[in-house]
Amino acid sequence: MPRSLLLLLLLGAASAHAEMQLGTFSASGPLLVADTFDNQVIHKSDFSSDDLKRMAERLETQQRALDEQSRTIERLERQLSDQQRTLDDLKRSR
């Protein structure tokens, strides 16, 4: 199970990194991005409400993709477990 979590995080990080390039957003409303560890402002950009809405929609799309990947990983783990049991049964029957 921990391997699947690691795989999920790696897939999600790669996907999120690719999707979060903000160069396509226009400059119109202030948005502060804070460092969540020490609450210091690390970046200040201007985004409109429409920009923020598009960003939220992208995040929702990413979350759906991650959820689907998680379900796929769980399904593959179940298949692997079934195959391991079948292999063990075959070994015992010989």
PDB file of N, CA and C in Angstrom:
ATOM      1  N   MET A   1       0.801  -1.209   0.000  1.00  0.00           N
ATOM      2  CA  MET A   1       0.000   0.000   0.000  1.00  0.00           C
ATOM      3  C   MET A   1       0.846   1.277   0.000  1.00  0.00           C
ATOM      4  N   PRO A   2       1.947   1.347   0.770  1.00  0.00           N
ATOM      5  CA  PRO A   2       2.773   2.554   0.735  1.00  0.00           C
ATOM      6  C   PRO A   2       3.359   2.822  -0.648  1.00  0.00           C
ATOM      7  N   ARG A   3       3.669   1.759  -1.401  1.00  0.00           N
ATOM      8  CA  ARG A   3       4.201   1.969  -2.742  1.00  0.00           C
ATOM      9  C   ARG A   3       3.183   2.674  -3.620  1.00  0.00           C
ATOM     10  N   SER A   4       1.913   2.309  -3.467  1.00  0.00           N
ATOM     11  CA  SER A   4       0.888   2.944  -4.297  1.00  0.00           C
ATOM     12  C   SER A   4       0.742   4.419  -3.944  1.00  0.00           C
ATOM     13  N   LEU A   5       0.867   4.745  -2.675  1.00  0.00           N
ATOM     14  CA  LEU A   5       0.780   6.146  -2.264  1.00  0.00           C
ATOM     15  C   LEU A   5       1.941   6.938  -2.850  1.00  0.00           C
ATOM     16  N   LEU A   6       3.131   6.357  -2.806  1.00  0.00           N
ATOM     17  CA  LEU A   6       4.297   7.020  -3.380  1.00  0.00           C
ATOM     18  C   LEU A   6       4.119   7.216  -4.876  1.00  0.00           C
ATOM     19  N   LEU A   7       3.647   6.177  -5.553  1.00  0.00           N
ATOM     20  CA  LEU A   7       3.418   6.275  -6.991  1.00  0.00           C
ATOM     21  C   LEU A   7       2.378   7.344  -7.294  1.00  0.00           C
ATOM     22  N   LEU A   8       1.314   7.370  -6.520  1.00  0.00           N
ATOM     23  CA  LEU A   8       0.266   8.368  -6.708  1.00  0.00           C
ATOM     24  C   LEU A   8       0.823   9.780  -6.529  1.00  0.00           C
ATOM     25  N   LEU A   9       1.636   9.970  -5.514  1.00  0.00           N
ATOM     26  CA  LEU A   9       2.223  11.289  -5.276  1.00  0.00           C
ATOM     27  C   LEU A   9       3.154  11.695  -6.411  1.00  0.00           C
ATOM     28  N   LEU A  10       3.946  10.751  -6.902  1.00  0.00           N
ATOM     29  CA  LEU A  10       4.849  11.062  -8.009  1.00  0.00           C
ATOM     30  C   LEU A  10       4.079  11.422  -9.267  1.00  0.00           C
ATOM     31  N   LEU A  11       3.041  10.655  -9.572  1.00  0.00           N
ATOM     32  CA  LEU A  11       2.224  10.948 -10.748  1.00  0.00           C
ATOM     33  C   LEU A  11       1.534  12.300 -10.601  1.00  0.00           C
ATOM     34  N   GLY A  12       1.013  12.548  -9.414  1.00  0.00           N
ATOM     35  CA  GLY A  12       0.326  13.809  -9.171  1.00  0.00           C
ATOM     36  C   GLY A  12       1.249  15.002  -9.246  1.00  0.00           C
ATOM     37  N   ALA A  13       2.446  14.863  -8.713  1.00  0.00           N
ATOM     38  CA  ALA A  13       3.397  15.973  -8.743  1.00  0.00           C
ATOM     39  C   ALA A  13       3.798  16.302 -10.172  1.00  0.00           C
ATOM     40  N   ALA A  14       4.044  15.287 -10.963  1.00  0.00           N
ATOM     41  CA  ALA A  14       4.425  15.525 -12.359  1.00  0.00           C
ATOM     42  C   ALA A  14       3.283  16.188 -13.118  1.00  0.00           C
ATOM     43  N   SER A  15       2.079  15.693 -12.898  1.00  0.00           N
ATOM     44  CA  SER A  15       0.910  16.258 -13.571  1.00  0.00           C
ATOM     45  C   SER A  15       0.658  17.691 -13.115  1.00  0.00           C
ATOM     46  N   ALA A  16       0.715  17.908 -11.812  1.00  0.00           N
ATOM     47  CA  ALA A  16       0.461  19.249 -11.278  1.00  0.00           C
ATOM     48  C   ALA A  16       1.519  20.233 -11.762  1.00  0.00           C
ATOM     49  N   HIS A  17       2.766  19.790 -11.801  1.00  0.00           N
ATOM     50  CA  HIS A  17       3.839  20.673 -12.260  1.00  0.00           C
ATOM     51  C   HIS A  17       3.605  21.087 -13.712  1.00  0.00           C
ATOM     52  N   ALA A  18       3.220  20.154 -14.538  1.00  0.00           N
ATOM     53  CA  ALA A  18       2.980  20.455 -15.952  1.00  0.00           C
ATOM     54  C   ALA A  18       1.776  21.368 -16.136  1.00  0.00           C
ATOM     55  N   GLU A  19       0.746  21.165 -15.347  1.00  0.00           N
ATOM     56  CA  GLU A  19      -0.493  21.923 -15.506  1.00  0.00           C
ATOM     57  C   GLU A  19      -0.429  23.329 -14.921  1.00  0.00           C
ATOM     58  N   MET A  20       0.430  23.574 -13.957  1.00  0.00           N
ATOM     59  CA  MET A  20       0.388  24.835 -13.229  1.00  0.00           C
ATOM     60  C   MET A  20       1.303  25.910 -13.807  1.00  0.00           C
ATOM     61  N   GLN A  21       1.615  25.849 -15.060  1.00  0.00           N
ATOM     62  CA  GLN A  21       2.358  26.927 -15.686  1.00  0.00           C
ATOM     63  C   GLN A  21       1.384  28.081 -15.899  1.00  0.00           C
ATOM     64  N   LEU A  22       1.645  29.183 -15.253  1.00  0.00           N
ATOM     65  CA  LEU A  22       0.668  30.263 -15.194  1.00  0.00           C
ATOM     66  C   LEU A  22       0.865  31.327 -16.262  1.00  0.00           C
ATOM     67  N   GLY A  23       1.691  31.096 -17.240  1.00  0.00           N
ATOM     68  CA  GLY A  23       1.984  32.092 -18.249  1.00  0.00           C
ATOM     69  C   GLY A  23       0.792  32.496 -19.091  1.00  0.00           C
ATOM     70  N   THR A  24      -0.285  31.730 -19.100  1.00  0.00           N
ATOM     71  CA  THR A  24      -1.436  32.039 -19.937  1.00  0.00           C
ATOM     72  C   THR A  24      -2.461  32.916 -19.237  1.00  0.00           C
ATOM     73  N   PHE A  25      -2.223  33.289 -17.993  1.00  0.00           N
ATOM     74  CA  PHE A  25      -3.201  34.078 -17.256  1.00  0.00           C
ATOM     75  C   PHE A  25      -2.891  35.566 -17.385  1.00  0.00           C
ATOM     76  N   SER A  26      -3.947  36.366 -17.508  1.00  0.00           N
ATOM     77  CA  SER A  26      -3.769  37.811 -17.659  1.00  0.00           C
ATOM     78  C   SER A  26      -3.506  38.467 -16.305  1.00  0.00           C
ATOM     79  N   ALA A  27      -3.031  39.681 -16.336  1.00  0.00           N
ATOM     80  CA  ALA A  27      -2.723  40.405 -15.106  1.00  0.00           C
ATOM     81  C   ALA A  27      -3.823  41.412 -14.817  1.00  0.00           C
ATOM     82  N   SER A  28      -4.587  41.199 -13.745  1.00  0.00           N
ATOM     83  CA  SER A  28      -5.613  42.177 -13.412  1.00  0.00           C
ATOM     84  C   SER A  28      -5.963  42.273 -11.938  1.00  0.00           C
ATOM     85  N   GLY A  29      -5.891  41.219 -11.145  1.00  0.00           N
ATOM     86  CA  GLY A  29      -6.249  41.301  -9.732  1.00  0.00           C
ATOM     87  C   GLY A  29      -5.148  40.718  -8.872  1.00  0.00           C
ATOM     88  N   PRO A  30      -4.892  41.278  -7.676  1.00  0.00           N
ATOM     89  CA  PRO A  30      -3.777  40.800  -6.866  1.00  0.00           C
ATOM     90  C   PRO A  30      -4.039  39.414  -6.280  1.00  0.00           C
ATOM     91  N   LEU A  31      -3.015  38.608  -6.270  1.00  0.00           N
ATOM     92  CA  LEU A  31      -3.067  37.291  -5.638  1.00  0.00           C
ATOM     93  C   LEU A  31      -1.731  37.080  -4.945  1.00  0.00           C
ATOM     94  N   LEU A  32      -1.780  36.797  -3.663  1.00  0.00           N
ATOM     95  CA  LEU A  32      -0.557  36.529  -2.924  1.00  0.00           C
ATOM     96  C   LEU A  32      -0.434  35.029  -2.734  1.00  0.00           C
ATOM     97  N   VAL A  33       0.713  34.489  -3.075  1.00  0.00           N
ATOM     98  CA  VAL A  33       0.989  33.081  -2.859  1.00  0.00           C
ATOM     99  C   VAL A  33       1.928  33.008  -1.666  1.00  0.00           C
ATOM    100  N   ALA A  34       1.473  32.405  -0.589  1.00  0.00           N
ATOM    101  CA  ALA A  34       2.261  32.376   0.641  1.00  0.00           C
ATOM    102  C   ALA A  34       2.939  31.027   0.817  1.00  0.00           C
ATOM    103  N   ASP A  35       4.113  31.052   1.431  1.00  0.00           N
ATOM    104  CA  ASP A  35       4.809  29.836   1.818  1.00  0.00           C
ATOM    105  C   ASP A  35       4.043  29.253   3.000  1.00  0.00           C
ATOM    106  N   THR A  36       3.524  28.053   2.855  1.00  0.00           N
ATOM    107  CA  THR A  36       2.676  27.485   3.899  1.00  0.00           C
ATOM    108  C   THR A  36       3.462  27.086   5.141  1.00  0.00           C
ATOM    109  N   PHE A  37       4.785  27.042   5.057  1.00  0.00           N
ATOM    110  CA  PHE A  37       5.563  26.638   6.219  1.00  0.00           C
ATOM    111  C   PHE A  37       5.807  27.787   7.185  1.00  0.00           C
ATOM    112  N   ASP A  38       6.069  28.974   6.666  1.00  0.00           N
ATOM    113  CA  ASP A  38       6.324  30.083   7.583  1.00  0.00           C
ATOM    114  C   ASP A  38       5.449  31.301   7.300  1.00  0.00           C
ATOM    115  N   ASN A  39       4.459  31.151   6.436  1.00  0.00           N
ATOM    116  CA  ASN A  39       3.468  32.186   6.141  1.00  0.00           C
ATOM    117  C   ASN A  39       4.071  33.486   5.622  1.00  0.00           C
ATOM    118  N   GLN A  40       5.223  33.425   5.012  1.00  0.00           N
ATOM    119  CA  GLN A  40       5.801  34.616   4.403  1.00  0.00           C
ATOM    120  C   GLN A  40       5.399  34.658   2.938  1.00  0.00           C
ATOM    121  N   VAL A  41       5.157  35.846   2.459  1.00  0.00           N
ATOM    122  CA  VAL A  41       4.798  35.998   1.052  1.00  0.00           C
ATOM    123  C   VAL A  41       6.034  35.718   0.206  1.00  0.00           C
ATOM    124  N   ILE A  42       5.892  34.760  -0.725  1.00  0.00           N
ATOM    125  CA  ILE A  42       7.031  34.430  -1.577  1.00  0.00           C
ATOM    126  C   ILE A  42       6.812  34.864  -3.019  1.00  0.00           C
ATOM    127  N   HIS A  43       5.595  35.245  -3.343  1.00  0.00           N
ATOM    128  CA  HIS A  43       5.316  35.637  -4.726  1.00  0.00           C
ATOM    129  C   HIS A  43       4.053  36.483  -4.738  1.00  0.00           C
ATOM    130  N   LYS A  44       4.048  37.546  -5.522  1.00  0.00           N
ATOM    131  CA  LYS A  44       2.848  38.363  -5.684  1.00  0.00           C
ATOM    132  C   LYS A  44       2.593  38.504  -7.172  1.00  0.00           C
ATOM    133  N   SER A  45       1.394  38.122  -7.592  1.00  0.00           N
ATOM    134  CA  SER A  45       1.023  38.198  -9.003  1.00  0.00           C
ATOM    135  C   SER A  45      -0.357  38.808  -9.114  1.00  0.00           C
ATOM    136  N   ASP A  46      -0.670  39.274 -10.294  1.00  0.00           N
ATOM    137  CA  ASP A  46      -1.990  39.843 -10.536  1.00  0.00           C
ATOM    138  C   ASP A  46      -2.797  38.891 -11.411  1.00  0.00           C
ATOM    139  N   PHE A  47      -3.947  38.455 -10.891  1.00  0.00           N
ATOM    140  CA  PHE A  47      -4.840  37.567 -11.628  1.00  0.00           C
ATOM    141  C   PHE A  47      -6.263  38.085 -11.516  1.00  0.00           C
ATOM    142  N   SER A  48      -7.014  37.961 -12.579  1.00  0.00           N
ATOM    143  CA  SER A  48      -8.420  38.358 -12.544  1.00  0.00           C
ATOM    144  C   SER A  48      -9.247  37.228 -11.936  1.00  0.00           C
ATOM    145  N   SER A  49     -10.514  37.526 -11.653  1.00  0.00           N
ATOM    146  CA  SER A  49     -11.430  36.501 -11.143  1.00  0.00           C
ATOM    147  C   SER A  49     -11.572  35.365 -12.145  1.00  0.00           C
ATOM    148  N   ASP A  50     -11.604  35.711 -13.425  1.00  0.00           N
ATOM    149  CA  ASP A  50     -11.693  34.676 -14.461  1.00  0.00           C
ATOM    150  C   ASP A  50     -10.455  33.783 -14.448  1.00  0.00           C
ATOM    151  N   ASP A  51      -9.297  34.395 -14.242  1.00  0.00           N
ATOM    152  CA  ASP A  51      -8.067  33.618 -14.161  1.00  0.00           C
ATOM    153  C   ASP A  51      -8.134  32.635 -12.998  1.00  0.00           C
ATOM    154  N   LEU A  52      -8.572  33.139 -11.846  1.00  0.00           N
ATOM    155  CA  LEU A  52      -8.672  32.284 -10.666  1.00  0.00           C
ATOM    156  C   LEU A  52      -9.690  31.173 -10.888  1.00  0.00           C
ATOM    157  N   LYS A  53     -10.775  31.495 -11.578  1.00  0.00           N
ATOM    158  CA  LYS A  53     -11.786  30.477 -11.877  1.00  0.00           C
ATOM    159  C   LYS A  53     -11.185  29.394 -12.772  1.00  0.00           C
ATOM    160  N   ARG A  54     -10.430  29.793 -13.793  1.00  0.00           N
ATOM    161  CA  ARG A  54      -9.786  28.811 -14.679  1.00  0.00           C
ATOM    162  C   ARG A  54      -8.781  27.963 -13.905  1.00  0.00           C
ATOM    163  N   MET A  55      -8.049  28.589 -13.009  1.00  0.00           N
ATOM    164  CA  MET A  55      -7.086  27.846 -12.194  1.00  0.00           C
ATOM    165  C   MET A  55      -7.812  26.829 -11.313  1.00  0.00           C
ATOM    166  N   ALA A  56      -8.931  27.242 -10.722  1.00  0.00           N
ATOM    167  CA  ALA A  56      -9.711  26.329  -9.884  1.00  0.00           C
ATOM    168  C   ALA A  56     -10.245  25.168 -10.714  1.00  0.00           C
ATOM    169  N   GLU A  57     -10.701  25.464 -11.928  1.00  0.00           N
ATOM    170  CA  GLU A  57     -11.201  24.400 -12.801  1.00  0.00           C
ATOM    171  C   GLU A  57     -10.080  23.428 -13.157  1.00  0.00           C
ATOM    172  N   ARG A  58      -8.889  23.948 -13.407  1.00  0.00           N
ATOM    173  CA  ARG A  58      -7.745  23.067 -13.693  1.00  0.00           C
ATOM    174  C   ARG A  58      -7.438  22.172 -12.505  1.00  0.00           C
ATOM    175  N   LEU A  59      -7.479  22.766 -11.313  1.00  0.00           N
ATOM    176  CA  LEU A  59      -7.219  21.975 -10.110  1.00  0.00           C
ATOM    177  C   LEU A  59      -8.269  20.886  -9.929  1.00  0.00           C
ATOM    178  N   GLU A  60      -9.525  21.214 -10.203  1.00  0.00           N
ATOM    179  CA  GLU A  60     -10.582  20.209 -10.108  1.00  0.00           C
ATOM    180  C   GLU A  60     -10.351  19.090 -11.119  1.00  0.00           C
ATOM    181  N   THR A  61      -9.937  19.458 -12.326  1.00  0.00           N
ATOM    182  CA  THR A  61      -9.636  18.457 -13.352  1.00  0.00           C
ATOM    183  C   THR A  61      -8.473  17.577 -12.908  1.00  0.00           C
ATOM    184  N   GLN A  62      -7.455  18.207 -12.343  1.00  0.00           N
ATOM    185  CA  GLN A  62      -6.312  17.441 -11.841  1.00  0.00           C
ATOM    186  C   GLN A  62      -6.737  16.492 -10.727  1.00  0.00           C
ATOM    187  N   GLN A  63      -7.621  16.969  -9.840  1.00  0.00           N
ATOM    188  CA  GLN A  63      -8.074  16.126  -8.737  1.00  0.00           C
ATOM    189  C   GLN A  63      -8.834  14.921  -9.272  1.00  0.00           C
ATOM    190  N   ARG A  64      -9.681  15.143 -10.285  1.00  0.00           N
ATOM    191  CA  ARG A  64     -10.406  14.018 -10.883  1.00  0.00           C
ATOM    192  C   ARG A  64      -9.425  13.026 -11.506  1.00  0.00           C
ATOM    193  N   ALA A  65      -8.390  13.535 -12.172  1.00  0.00           N
ATOM    194  CA  ALA A  65      -7.385  12.651 -12.776  1.00  0.00           C
ATOM    195  C   ALA A  65      -6.640  11.862 -11.694  1.00  0.00           C
ATOM    196  N   LEU A  66      -6.301  12.533 -10.599  1.00  0.00           N
ATOM    197  CA  LEU A  66      -5.625  11.840  -9.499  1.00  0.00           C
ATOM    198  C   LEU A  66      -6.523  10.780  -8.878  1.00  0.00           C
ATOM    199  N   ASP A  67      -7.805  11.101  -8.725  1.00  0.00           N
ATOM    200  CA  ASP A  67      -8.748  10.120  -8.191  1.00  0.00           C
ATOM    201  C   ASP A  67      -8.826   8.898  -9.098  1.00  0.00           C
ATOM    202  N   GLU A  68      -8.861   9.132 -10.398  1.00  0.00           N
ATOM    203  CA  GLU A  68      -8.907   8.027 -11.361  1.00  0.00           C
ATOM    204  C   GLU A  68      -7.617   7.209 -11.297  1.00  0.00           C
ATOM    205  N   GLN A  69      -6.485   7.886 -11.191  1.00  0.00           N
ATOM    206  CA  GLN A  69      -5.210   7.173 -11.072  1.00  0.00           C
ATOM    207  C   GLN A  69      -5.168   6.344  -9.796  1.00  0.00           C
ATOM    208  N   SER A  70      -5.707   6.885  -8.727  1.00  0.00           N
ATOM    209  CA  SER A  70      -5.753   6.162  -7.462  1.00  0.00           C
ATOM    210  C   SER A  70      -6.597   4.899  -7.597  1.00  0.00           C
ATOM    211  N   ARG A  71      -7.748   5.029  -8.251  1.00  0.00           N
ATOM    212  CA  ARG A  71      -8.603   3.849  -8.465  1.00  0.00           C
ATOM    213  C   ARG A  71      -7.887   2.817  -9.334  1.00  0.00           C
ATOM    214  N   THR A  72      -7.171   3.274 -10.342  1.00  0.00           N
ATOM    215  CA  THR A  72      -6.424   2.361 -11.211  1.00  0.00           C
ATOM    216  C   THR A  72      -5.338   1.637 -10.426  1.00  0.00           C
ATOM    217  N   ILE A  73      -4.621   2.365  -9.590  1.00  0.00           N
ATOM    218  CA  ILE A  73      -3.570   1.755  -8.770  1.00  0.00           C
ATOM    219  C   ILE A  73      -4.169   0.712  -7.839  1.00  0.00           C
ATOM    220  N   GLU A  74      -5.280   1.036  -7.201  1.00  0.00           N
ATOM    221  CA  GLU A  74      -5.928   0.077  -6.300  1.00  0.00           C
ATOM    222  C   GLU A  74      -6.370  -1.171  -7.058  1.00  0.00           C
ATOM    223  N   ARG A  75      -6.912  -0.984  -8.262  1.00  0.00           N
ATOM    224  CA  ARG A  75      -7.350  -2.121  -9.070  1.00  0.00           C
ATOM    225  C   ARG A  75      -6.155  -2.984  -9.447  1.00  0.00           C
ATOM    226  N   LEU A  76      -5.054  -2.360  -9.845  1.00  0.00           N
ATOM    227  CA  LEU A  76      -3.851  -3.108 -10.210  1.00  0.00           C
ATOM    228  C   LEU A  76      -3.257  -3.842  -9.010  1.00  0.00           C
ATOM    229  N   GLU A  77      -3.314  -3.225  -7.845  1.00  0.00           N
ATOM    230  CA  GLU A  77      -2.830  -3.901  -6.634  1.00  0.00           C
ATOM    231  C   GLU A  77      -3.667  -5.133  -6.331  1.00  0.00           C
ATOM    232  N   ARG A  78      -4.992  -5.019  -6.501  1.00  0.00           N
ATOM    233  CA  ARG A  78      -5.863  -6.180  -6.280  1.00  0.00           C
ATOM    234  C   ARG A  78      -5.544  -7.284  -7.281  1.00  0.00           C
ATOM    235  N   GLN A  79      -5.332  -6.912  -8.545  1.00  0.00           N
ATOM    236  CA  GLN A  79      -4.986  -7.907  -9.560  1.00  0.00           C
ATOM    237  C   GLN A  79      -3.664  -8.590  -9.222  1.00  0.00           C
ATOM    238  N   LEU A  80      -2.684  -7.816  -8.804  1.00  0.00           N
ATOM    239  CA  LEU A  80      -1.391  -8.377  -8.439  1.00  0.00           C
ATOM    240  C   LEU A  80      -1.535  -9.335  -7.263  1.00  0.00           C
ATOM    241  N   SER A  81      -2.308  -8.945  -6.284  1.00  0.00           N
ATOM    242  CA  SER A  81      -2.534  -9.800  -5.121  1.00  0.00           C
ATOM    243  C   SER A  81      -3.212 -11.106  -5.541  1.00  0.00           C
ATOM    244  N   ASP A  82      -4.205 -11.011  -6.409  1.00  0.00           N
ATOM    245  CA  ASP A  82      -4.883 -12.214  -6.913  1.00  0.00           C
ATOM    246  C   ASP A  82      -3.908 -13.112  -7.663  1.00  0.00           C
ATOM    247  N   GLN A  83      -3.068 -12.512  -8.477  1.00  0.00           N
ATOM    248  CA  GLN A  83      -2.092 -13.291  -9.242  1.00  0.00           C
ATOM    249  C   GLN A  83      -1.062 -13.944  -8.325  1.00  0.00           C
ATOM    250  N   GLN A  84      -0.673 -13.247  -7.276  1.00  0.00           N
ATOM    251  CA  GLN A  84       0.275 -13.831  -6.328  1.00  0.00           C
ATOM    252  C   GLN A  84      -0.351 -15.018  -5.604  1.00  0.00           C
ATOM    253  N   ARG A  85      -1.624 -14.890  -5.223  1.00  0.00           N
ATOM    254  CA  ARG A  85      -2.314 -16.006  -4.576  1.00  0.00           C
ATOM    255  C   ARG A  85      -2.427 -17.192  -5.525  1.00  0.00           C
ATOM    256  N   THR A  86      -2.754 -16.917  -6.781  1.00  0.00           N
ATOM    257  CA  THR A  86      -2.861 -17.987  -7.776  1.00  0.00           C
ATOM    258  C   THR A  86      -1.518 -18.678  -7.966  1.00  0.00           C
ATOM    259  N   LEU A  87      -0.454 -17.908  -8.045  1.00  0.00           N
ATOM    260  CA  LEU A  87       0.883 -18.479  -8.191  1.00  0.00           C
ATOM    261  C   LEU A  87       1.246 -19.325  -6.976  1.00  0.00           C
ATOM    262  N   ASP A  88       0.943 -18.826  -5.789  1.00  0.00           N
ATOM    263  CA  ASP A  88       1.209 -19.596  -4.568  1.00  0.00           C
ATOM    264  C   ASP A  88       0.430 -20.902  -4.568  1.00  0.00           C
ATOM    265  N   ASP A  89      -0.827 -20.851  -4.999  1.00  0.00           N
ATOM    266  CA  ASP A  89      -1.651 -22.064  -5.081  1.00  0.00           C
ATOM    267  C   ASP A  89      -1.046 -23.066  -6.054  1.00  0.00           C
ATOM    268  N   LEU A  90      -0.574 -22.581  -7.199  1.00  0.00           N
ATOM    269  CA  LEU A  90       0.053 -23.465  -8.188  1.00  0.00           C
ATOM    270  C   LEU A  90       1.325 -24.103  -7.633  1.00  0.00           C
ATOM    271  N   LYS A  91       2.108 -23.315  -6.919  1.00  0.00           N
ATOM    272  CA  LYS A  91       3.340 -23.852  -6.331  1.00  0.00           C
ATOM    273  C   LYS A  91       3.027 -24.934  -5.301  1.00  0.00           C
ATOM    274  N   ARG A  92       1.995 -24.720  -4.501  1.00  0.00           N
ATOM    275  CA  ARG A  92       1.615 -25.696  -3.479  1.00  0.00           C
ATOM    276  C   ARG A  92       1.060 -26.971  -4.104  1.00  0.00           C
ATOM    277  N   SER A  93       0.389 -26.844  -5.222  1.00  0.00           N
ATOM    278  CA  SER A  93      -0.239 -28.016  -5.844  1.00  0.00           C
ATOM    279  C   SER A  93       0.778 -28.907  -6.560  1.00  0.00           C
ATOM    280  N   ARG A  94       1.961 -28.434  -6.802  1.00  0.00           N
ATOM    281  CA  ARG A  94       2.991 -29.238  -7.488  1.00  0.00           C
ATOM    282  C   ARG A  94       3.650 -30.142  -6.549  1.00  0.00           C
TER     283      ARG A  94
END
